[in-house]
Amino acid sequence: MAVNAKKTAKAAMVAKVVLAQDPHAVREPRANNLEMAIGHEVRGYRKKLGITVADLAVATGMSVGMLSKIENGNISPSLTTLQALSKALGVPITAFFRGFEEPKSASFVKAGEGVNIERRGTRAGHHYSLLGHIENNTSGVAVEPYLITLNAESDIFPTFQHQGMEFLYMLEGEVVYRHGDSLYRMEPGDSLFFDADAPHGPEELVKLPARYLSIISYPQQR
């Protein structure tokens, strides 16, 4: 009865979790041409103020023809021009670049082709295969996805500790995994998500070989 009550309480707690991000949301398309992006923003801010191109021309000292070319993305405005538009429209210069879509990176790794690496603190028999890496991404978060394999020669080492968050997903075998003062018996299909600043790692290797995904995320160094 106590176990069922605990499961019910846990299910209720999970049901209350509301994630802020909508993964299915579609944002307004962005321009992949810088001039078009700037023109789109200038026109948008002008219309938001309810003024005409002629009004903006008077406020900036530019010609109506020049402003029309800027709004249509036909020319690349100078920094001096952007500064004048910024002052007239009451927005920072950076606001004109918000609609520009820089190319986004992706990392594709075929099965068995992950990069085998030696992570700092890695113990004997812990095989790390890096499954992807993107430098200087726009999210501000660095992510390291690993496929970790433990075999009969693997050390138990429950004291890894580093910044960020970590997610584990068990694929094969069975281990008892420690996080802080808690122990988790992990079998295929089980997952564990935790603050990686607490000591963590495999406490007991129950069934080998063992394989699990480890996805580590932490603030990107600028």
C-alpha atoms as a PDB file:
ATOM      1  CA  MET A   1       0.000   0.000   0.000  1.00  0.00           C
ATOM      2  CA  ALA A   2       2.816   2.393   0.900  1.00  0.00           C
ATOM      3  CA  VAL A   3       4.511   1.762  -2.458  1.00  0.00           C
ATOM      4  CA  ASN A   4       1.264   2.443  -4.358  1.00  0.00           C
ATOM      5  CA  ALA A   5       0.689   5.632  -2.372  1.00  0.00           C
ATOM      6  CA  LYS A   6       4.207   6.747  -3.181  1.00  0.00           C
ATOM      7  CA  LYS A   7       3.677   6.036  -6.893  1.00  0.00           C
ATOM      8  CA  THR A   8       0.384   7.972  -6.840  1.00  0.00           C
ATOM      9  CA  ALA A   9       2.036  10.945  -5.154  1.00  0.00           C
ATOM     10  CA  LYS A  10       4.891  10.846  -7.666  1.00  0.00           C
ATOM     11  CA  ALA A  11       2.458  10.710 -10.596  1.00  0.00           C
ATOM     12  CA  ALA A  12       0.558  13.695  -9.183  1.00  0.00           C
ATOM     13  CA  MET A  13       3.792  15.635  -8.843  1.00  0.00           C
ATOM     14  CA  VAL A  14       4.784  14.863 -12.444  1.00  0.00           C
ATOM     15  CA  ALA A  15       1.315  15.869 -13.661  1.00  0.00           C
ATOM     16  CA  LYS A  16       1.785  19.314 -12.106  1.00  0.00           C
ATOM     17  CA  VAL A  17       4.972  20.013 -14.063  1.00  0.00           C
ATOM     18  CA  VAL A  18       4.275  22.602 -16.752  1.00  0.00           C
ATOM     19  CA  LEU A  19       7.037  23.323 -19.251  1.00  0.00           C
ATOM     20  CA  ALA A  20       7.290  26.922 -20.444  1.00  0.00           C
ATOM     21  CA  GLN A  21       8.477  26.137 -23.969  1.00  0.00           C
ATOM     22  CA  ASP A  22       6.079  24.953 -26.672  1.00  0.00           C
ATOM     23  CA  PRO A  23       8.142  22.634 -28.933  1.00  0.00           C
ATOM     24  CA  HIS A  24       5.476  22.869 -31.659  1.00  0.00           C
ATOM     25  CA  ALA A  25       5.313  26.664 -31.760  1.00  0.00           C
ATOM     26  CA  VAL A  26       6.160  28.214 -35.147  1.00  0.00           C
ATOM     27  CA  ARG A  27       7.849  31.570 -35.004  1.00  0.00           C
ATOM     28  CA  GLU A  28       7.632  34.209 -37.697  1.00  0.00           C
ATOM     29  CA  PRO A  29       9.937  33.327 -40.616  1.00  0.00           C
ATOM     30  CA  ARG A  30      13.234  35.190 -40.546  1.00  0.00           C
ATOM     31  CA  ALA A  31      15.157  36.597 -43.470  1.00  0.00           C
ATOM     32  CA  ASN A  32      18.400  34.941 -44.553  1.00  0.00           C
ATOM     33  CA  ASN A  33      19.424  38.162 -46.287  1.00  0.00           C
ATOM     34  CA  LEU A  34      20.734  40.890 -43.973  1.00  0.00           C
ATOM     35  CA  GLU A  35      19.449  43.815 -46.052  1.00  0.00           C
ATOM     36  CA  MET A  36      15.958  42.289 -46.229  1.00  0.00           C
ATOM     37  CA  ALA A  37      15.990  41.680 -42.470  1.00  0.00           C
ATOM     38  CA  ILE A  38      16.965  45.279 -41.713  1.00  0.00           C
ATOM     39  CA  GLY A  39      14.347  46.637 -44.121  1.00  0.00           C
ATOM     40  CA  HIS A  40      11.654  44.470 -42.555  1.00  0.00           C
ATOM     41  CA  GLU A  41      12.474  45.760 -39.068  1.00  0.00           C
ATOM     42  CA  VAL A  42      12.631  49.421 -40.158  1.00  0.00           C
ATOM     43  CA  ARG A  43       9.220  49.155 -41.817  1.00  0.00           C
ATOM     44  CA  GLY A  44       7.778  47.349 -38.802  1.00  0.00           C
ATOM     45  CA  TYR A  45       8.969  49.959 -36.298  1.00  0.00           C
ATOM     46  CA  ARG A  46       7.815  52.811 -38.554  1.00  0.00           C
ATOM     47  CA  LYS A  47       4.324  51.358 -38.860  1.00  0.00           C
ATOM     48  CA  LYS A  48       4.227  50.697 -35.130  1.00  0.00           C
ATOM     49  CA  LEU A  49       4.723  54.432 -34.592  1.00  0.00           C
ATOM     50  CA  GLY A  50       2.014  55.174 -37.169  1.00  0.00           C
ATOM     51  CA  ILE A  51       4.197  57.399 -39.333  1.00  0.00           C
ATOM     52  CA  THR A  52       4.694  57.473 -43.100  1.00  0.00           C
ATOM     53  CA  VAL A  53       7.922  57.114 -45.072  1.00  0.00           C
ATOM     54  CA  ALA A  54       7.734  60.873 -45.670  1.00  0.00           C
ATOM     55  CA  ASP A  55       7.510  61.495 -41.912  1.00  0.00           C
ATOM     56  CA  LEU A  56      10.549  59.284 -41.315  1.00  0.00           C
ATOM     57  CA  ALA A  57      12.421  61.073 -44.098  1.00  0.00           C
ATOM     58  CA  VAL A  58      11.903  64.398 -42.330  1.00  0.00           C
ATOM     59  CA  ALA A  59      12.987  62.928 -38.955  1.00  0.00           C
ATOM     60  CA  THR A  60      16.178  61.396 -40.369  1.00  0.00           C
ATOM     61  CA  GLY A  61      17.089  63.917 -43.087  1.00  0.00           C
ATOM     62  CA  MET A  62      17.044  61.136 -45.710  1.00  0.00           C
ATOM     63  CA  SER A  63      15.167  61.090 -48.954  1.00  0.00           C
ATOM     64  CA  VAL A  64      11.932  59.153 -49.375  1.00  0.00           C
ATOM     65  CA  GLY A  65      13.584  57.184 -52.183  1.00  0.00           C
ATOM     66  CA  MET A  66      16.498  56.165 -49.946  1.00  0.00           C
ATOM     67  CA  LEU A  67      14.163  55.015 -47.188  1.00  0.00           C
ATOM     68  CA  SER A  68      12.046  53.024 -49.657  1.00  0.00           C
ATOM     69  CA  LYS A  69      15.180  51.228 -50.864  1.00  0.00           C
ATOM     70  CA  ILE A  70      16.165  50.424 -47.260  1.00  0.00           C
ATOM     71  CA  GLU A  71      12.715  49.100 -46.371  1.00  0.00           C
ATOM     72  CA  ASN A  72      12.647  46.939 -49.507  1.00  0.00           C
ATOM     73  CA  GLY A  73      16.111  45.526 -48.779  1.00  0.00           C
ATOM     74  CA  ASN A  74      17.593  46.946 -51.987  1.00  0.00           C
ATOM     75  CA  ILE A  75      20.604  48.600 -50.349  1.00  0.00           C
ATOM     76  CA  SER A  76      22.858  47.988 -47.369  1.00  0.00           C
ATOM     77  CA  PRO A  77      22.550  50.979 -44.989  1.00  0.00           C
ATOM     78  CA  SER A  78      25.687  52.366 -43.385  1.00  0.00           C
ATOM     79  CA  LEU A  79      26.193  52.538 -39.633  1.00  0.00           C
ATOM     80  CA  THR A  80      25.549  56.301 -39.795  1.00  0.00           C
ATOM     81  CA  THR A  81      22.225  55.637 -41.526  1.00  0.00           C
ATOM     82  CA  LEU A  82      21.273  52.969 -38.992  1.00  0.00           C
ATOM     83  CA  GLN A  83      22.147  55.354 -36.182  1.00  0.00           C
ATOM     84  CA  ALA A  84      19.846  58.016 -37.644  1.00  0.00           C
ATOM     85  CA  LEU A  85      17.032  55.467 -38.032  1.00  0.00           C
ATOM     86  CA  SER A  86      17.625  54.229 -34.492  1.00  0.00           C
ATOM     87  CA  LYS A  87      17.250  57.743 -33.093  1.00  0.00           C
ATOM     88  CA  ALA A  88      14.174  58.567 -35.183  1.00  0.00           C
ATOM     89  CA  LEU A  89      12.369  55.312 -34.376  1.00  0.00           C
ATOM     90  CA  GLY A  90      13.427  55.194 -30.722  1.00  0.00           C
ATOM     91  CA  VAL A  91      14.993  51.723 -30.818  1.00  0.00           C
ATOM     92  CA  PRO A  92      18.575  50.470 -30.368  1.00  0.00           C
ATOM     93  CA  ILE A  93      20.596  49.752 -33.513  1.00  0.00           C
ATOM     94  CA  THR A  94      20.671  46.069 -32.580  1.00  0.00           C
ATOM     95  CA  ALA A  95      16.883  45.954 -33.015  1.00  0.00           C
ATOM     96  CA  PHE A  96      17.329  46.122 -36.799  1.00  0.00           C
ATOM     97  CA  PHE A  97      19.182  42.787 -36.816  1.00  0.00           C
ATOM     98  CA  ARG A  98      16.664  40.723 -34.845  1.00  0.00           C
ATOM     99  CA  GLY A  99      15.010  39.326 -37.940  1.00  0.00           C
ATOM    100  CA  PHE A 100      18.237  38.067 -39.497  1.00  0.00           C
ATOM    101  CA  GLU A 101      18.539  34.281 -39.528  1.00  0.00           C
ATOM    102  CA  GLU A 102      22.120  33.052 -39.321  1.00  0.00           C
ATOM    103  CA  PRO A 103      22.766  29.512 -40.581  1.00  0.00           C
ATOM    104  CA  LYS A 104      22.223  26.914 -37.834  1.00  0.00           C
ATOM    105  CA  SER A 105      24.534  23.947 -37.397  1.00  0.00           C
ATOM    106  CA  ALA A 106      23.742  20.275 -37.074  1.00  0.00           C
ATOM    107  CA  SER A 107      25.924  17.286 -36.214  1.00  0.00           C
ATOM    108  CA  PHE A 108      25.167  13.879 -37.752  1.00  0.00           C
ATOM    109  CA  VAL A 109      27.020  10.740 -36.629  1.00  0.00           C
ATOM    110  CA  LYS A 110      26.524   7.341 -38.259  1.00  0.00           C
ATOM    111  CA  ALA A 111      26.194   4.285 -36.035  1.00  0.00           C
ATOM    112  CA  GLY A 112      29.571   3.257 -34.633  1.00  0.00           C
ATOM    113  CA  GLU A 113      31.297   6.437 -35.828  1.00  0.00           C
ATOM    114  CA  GLY A 114      31.263   8.462 -32.608  1.00  0.00           C
ATOM    115  CA  VAL A 115      34.591   9.988 -31.585  1.00  0.00           C
ATOM    116  CA  ASN A 116      36.198   7.972 -28.789  1.00  0.00           C
ATOM    117  CA  ILE A 117      37.698  10.378 -26.276  1.00  0.00           C
ATOM    118  CA  GLU A 118      39.332  10.423 -22.862  1.00  0.00           C
ATOM    119  CA  ARG A 119      37.329  12.732 -20.610  1.00  0.00           C
ATOM    120  CA  ARG A 120      39.025  14.363 -17.660  1.00  0.00           C
ATOM    121  CA  GLY A 121      38.606  12.048 -14.677  1.00  0.00           C
ATOM    122  CA  THR A 122      37.766   9.009 -16.820  1.00  0.00           C
ATOM    123  CA  ARG A 123      38.591   5.717 -15.115  1.00  0.00           C
ATOM    124  CA  ALA A 124      39.830   2.426 -16.561  1.00  0.00           C
ATOM    125  CA  GLY A 125      37.230   0.625 -18.629  1.00  0.00           C
ATOM    126  CA  HIS A 126      34.951   3.656 -19.058  1.00  0.00           C
ATOM    127  CA  HIS A 127      34.630   4.107 -22.817  1.00  0.00           C
ATOM    128  CA  TYR A 128      33.241   7.462 -23.942  1.00  0.00           C
ATOM    129  CA  SER A 129      32.047   7.941 -27.524  1.00  0.00           C
ATOM    130  CA  LEU A 130      31.128  11.557 -28.320  1.00  0.00           C
ATOM    131  CA  LEU A 131      28.004  11.510 -30.527  1.00  0.00           C
ATOM    132  CA  GLY A 132      27.992  15.139 -31.634  1.00  0.00           C
ATOM    133  CA  HIS A 133      29.304  18.625 -30.934  1.00  0.00           C
ATOM    134  CA  ILE A 134      28.309  22.132 -32.051  1.00  0.00           C
ATOM    135  CA  GLU A 135      30.561  25.060 -31.190  1.00  0.00           C
ATOM    136  CA  ASN A 136      29.290  28.621 -30.685  1.00  0.00           C
ATOM    137  CA  ASN A 137      25.607  27.760 -30.950  1.00  0.00           C
ATOM    138  CA  THR A 138      22.953  30.425 -30.406  1.00  0.00           C
ATOM    139  CA  SER A 139      21.359  28.882 -27.300  1.00  0.00           C
ATOM    140  CA  GLY A 140      24.108  29.870 -24.854  1.00  0.00           C
ATOM    141  CA  VAL A 141      24.209  26.246 -23.656  1.00  0.00           C
ATOM    142  CA  ALA A 142      26.934  23.697 -24.442  1.00  0.00           C
ATOM    143  CA  VAL A 143      25.732  20.094 -24.826  1.00  0.00           C
ATOM    144  CA  GLU A 144      27.891  16.951 -24.840  1.00  0.00           C
ATOM    145  CA  PRO A 145      26.093  13.701 -25.819  1.00  0.00           C
ATOM    146  CA  TYR A 146      28.046  10.528 -25.018  1.00  0.00           C
ATOM    147  CA  LEU A 147      27.534   6.809 -25.437  1.00  0.00           C
ATOM    148  CA  ILE A 148      29.230   5.250 -22.388  1.00  0.00           C
ATOM    149  CA  THR A 149      30.211   1.585 -22.277  1.00  0.00           C
ATOM    150  CA  LEU A 150      31.305  -0.231 -19.119  1.00  0.00           C
ATOM    151  CA  ASN A 151      32.891  -3.689 -19.228  1.00  0.00           C
ATOM    152  CA  ALA A 152      34.443  -6.227 -16.884  1.00  0.00           C
ATOM    153  CA  GLU A 153      37.608  -4.106 -16.550  1.00  0.00           C
ATOM    154  CA  SER A 154      35.674  -0.980 -15.567  1.00  0.00           C
ATOM    155  CA  ASP A 155      36.343   0.698 -12.237  1.00  0.00           C
ATOM    156  CA  ILE A 156      33.453   1.799 -10.076  1.00  0.00           C
ATOM    157  CA  PHE A 157      33.825   5.517  -9.605  1.00  0.00           C
ATOM    158  CA  PRO A 158      30.832   7.279  -8.029  1.00  0.00           C
ATOM    159  CA  THR A 159      32.547  10.647  -7.576  1.00  0.00           C
ATOM    160  CA  PHE A 160      32.351  12.424 -10.924  1.00  0.00           C
ATOM    161  CA  GLN A 161      31.473  16.061 -10.293  1.00  0.00           C
ATOM    162  CA  HIS A 162      31.163  18.945 -12.761  1.00  0.00           C
ATOM    163  CA  GLN A 163      28.999  21.949 -13.577  1.00  0.00           C
ATOM    164  CA  GLY A 164      25.675  21.742 -15.390  1.00  0.00           C
ATOM    165  CA  MET A 165      22.948  19.133 -15.702  1.00  0.00           C
ATOM    166  CA  GLU A 166      23.213  15.503 -16.845  1.00  0.00           C
ATOM    167  CA  PHE A 167      20.694  13.061 -18.300  1.00  0.00           C
ATOM    168  CA  LEU A 168      21.289   9.290 -18.392  1.00  0.00           C
ATOM    169  CA  TYR A 169      19.327   6.724 -20.399  1.00  0.00           C
ATOM    170  CA  MET A 170      20.115   3.053 -19.852  1.00  0.00           C
ATOM    171  CA  LEU A 171      20.432   0.950 -23.020  1.00  0.00           C
ATOM    172  CA  GLU A 172      22.000  -2.336 -21.918  1.00  0.00           C
ATOM    173  CA  GLY A 173      23.132  -4.113 -18.748  1.00  0.00           C
ATOM    174  CA  GLU A 174      22.430  -2.989 -15.203  1.00  0.00           C
ATOM    175  CA  VAL A 175      24.221  -0.647 -12.808  1.00  0.00           C
ATOM    176  CA  VAL A 176      23.541   0.940  -9.447  1.00  0.00           C
ATOM    177  CA  TYR A 177      24.158   4.641  -9.996  1.00  0.00           C
ATOM    178  CA  ARG A 178      24.898   7.074  -7.185  1.00  0.00           C
ATOM    179  CA  HIS A 179      23.866  10.728  -7.117  1.00  0.00           C
ATOM    180  CA  GLY A 180      24.813  12.418  -3.883  1.00  0.00           C
ATOM    181  CA  ASP A 181      23.436  10.227  -1.099  1.00  0.00           C
ATOM    182  CA  SER A 182      20.883   8.421  -3.315  1.00  0.00           C
ATOM    183  CA  LEU A 183      21.287   5.130  -5.186  1.00  0.00           C
ATOM    184  CA  TYR A 184      19.358   4.182  -8.343  1.00  0.00           C
ATOM    185  CA  ARG A 185      19.268   0.694  -9.854  1.00  0.00           C
ATOM    186  CA  MET A 186      19.253   1.374 -13.586  1.00  0.00           C
ATOM    187  CA  GLU A 187      18.060  -1.176 -16.142  1.00  0.00           C
ATOM    188  CA  PRO A 188      17.382  -0.785 -19.894  1.00  0.00           C
ATOM    189  CA  GLY A 189      14.764   1.918 -20.437  1.00  0.00           C
ATOM    190  CA  ASP A 190      15.436   3.676 -17.109  1.00  0.00           C
ATOM    191  CA  SER A 191      16.553   7.314 -17.076  1.00  0.00           C
ATOM    192  CA  LEU A 192      18.081   9.658 -14.532  1.00  0.00           C
ATOM    193  CA  PHE A 193      18.222  13.466 -14.760  1.00  0.00           C
ATOM    194  CA  PHE A 194      20.272  15.357 -12.174  1.00  0.00           C
ATOM    195  CA  ASP A 195      22.357  18.329 -11.102  1.00  0.00           C
ATOM    196  CA  ALA A 196      25.887  17.260 -12.012  1.00  0.00           C
ATOM    197  CA  ASP A 197      27.485  19.418  -9.316  1.00  0.00           C
ATOM    198  CA  ALA A 198      26.731  16.633  -6.797  1.00  0.00           C
ATOM    199  CA  PRO A 199      29.105  13.610  -6.706  1.00  0.00           C
ATOM    200  CA  HIS A 200      27.782  10.947  -9.071  1.00  0.00           C
ATOM    201  CA  GLY A 201      28.784   7.805 -10.935  1.00  0.00           C
ATOM    202  CA  PRO A 202      28.338   4.010 -11.095  1.00  0.00           C
ATOM    203  CA  GLU A 203      28.392   2.565  -7.568  1.00  0.00           C
ATOM    204  CA  GLU A 204      27.879  -1.094  -8.518  1.00  0.00           C
ATOM    205  CA  LEU A 205      28.229  -2.870 -11.879  1.00  0.00           C
ATOM    206  CA  VAL A 206      25.468  -5.470 -11.667  1.00  0.00           C
ATOM    207  CA  LYS A 207      25.250  -6.774 -15.253  1.00  0.00           C
ATOM    208  CA  LEU A 208      27.927  -6.206 -17.882  1.00  0.00           C
ATOM    209  CA  PRO A 209      28.525  -5.001 -20.469  1.00  0.00           C
ATOM    210  CA  ALA A 210      26.521  -1.898 -19.619  1.00  0.00           C
ATOM    211  CA  ARG A 211      25.757   0.922 -22.049  1.00  0.00           C
ATOM    212  CA  TYR A 212      23.957   4.174 -21.472  1.00  0.00           C
ATOM    213  CA  LEU A 213      23.534   7.588 -23.050  1.00  0.00           C
ATOM    214  CA  SER A 214      24.896  10.520 -21.072  1.00  0.00           C
ATOM    215  CA  ILE A 215      23.870  14.017 -22.154  1.00  0.00           C
ATOM    216  CA  ILE A 216      25.641  16.817 -20.284  1.00  0.00           C
ATOM    217  CA  SER A 217      24.620  20.471 -20.609  1.00  0.00           C
ATOM    218  CA  TYR A 218      26.239  23.546 -19.096  1.00  0.00           C
ATOM    219  CA  PRO A 219      26.539  27.311 -19.778  1.00  0.00           C
ATOM    220  CA  GLN A 220      28.561  28.027 -22.893  1.00  0.00           C
ATOM    221  CA  GLN A 221      31.832  29.820 -22.252  1.00  0.00           C
ATOM    222  CA  ARG A 222      31.945  33.169 -24.075  1.00  0.00           C
END
